[in-house]
């Protein structure tokens, strides 16, 4: 049986946090460590979290330096041999991967329903060298691939994209599980495309050639 760590970061999310906690509890057929990093919420979020404290492996509420700083804190709390999944306060875990998938790769990707808008399907081909084709709401990563906190705080919008690219650059296999599914609210941190930051990450990880390809790719997809 794989060891699972589900990490949630929150800040003033009293309207969405309870539904997310319930989604994890209801689908927790695999016993998972449930880690919550709250940024010092001033609404009713902390009261809701304490209501479910018996289901939480770790809970802290304190100021942080943004979402990726909070995600790094959560990563530190996860067991080194666990598969880690990040769920934002408004995200939901819809379906877990098949148990057998955890024997096939150290990274497991699934699809993400973006509100009522569209279904995002993961891609592990050349497009992952150009843009973020994996969404964290349906992405399990074995922590021992990168024991230290993985998110570079210089990238305030796409630190997860940077981490995903570094993982494939290191040659780690990604397995796509068709049963694995998450849900994300429309909107959020990366709703407005930051082309400059994305191109900077591509150039850092794969060089100028792929940065130029990414620039063309973004324009073809009208992400300008």
Foldseek 3Di string as FASTA:
>chain_A
DAEAEEEEEEAQLVPQQLVAVVLCVVQPPDQYAYEYEYQQHPPCPVVSCVVVVVSHPYYDYHHADADLRSVQVSLLPDDQQHWYAYDYSNKHWHFAFDPVVVVVFQKEAEWEAAAVPDIQGADDPCVLLQDPRGDRQGMIHRNNVPSHSQFDVVQRQVSVSLSVLVCVLVPGDYHYGHRGYMYHYQDDRCNQPDLVSSLVSSCVRPRDVSSVVNVVVCVVVVND
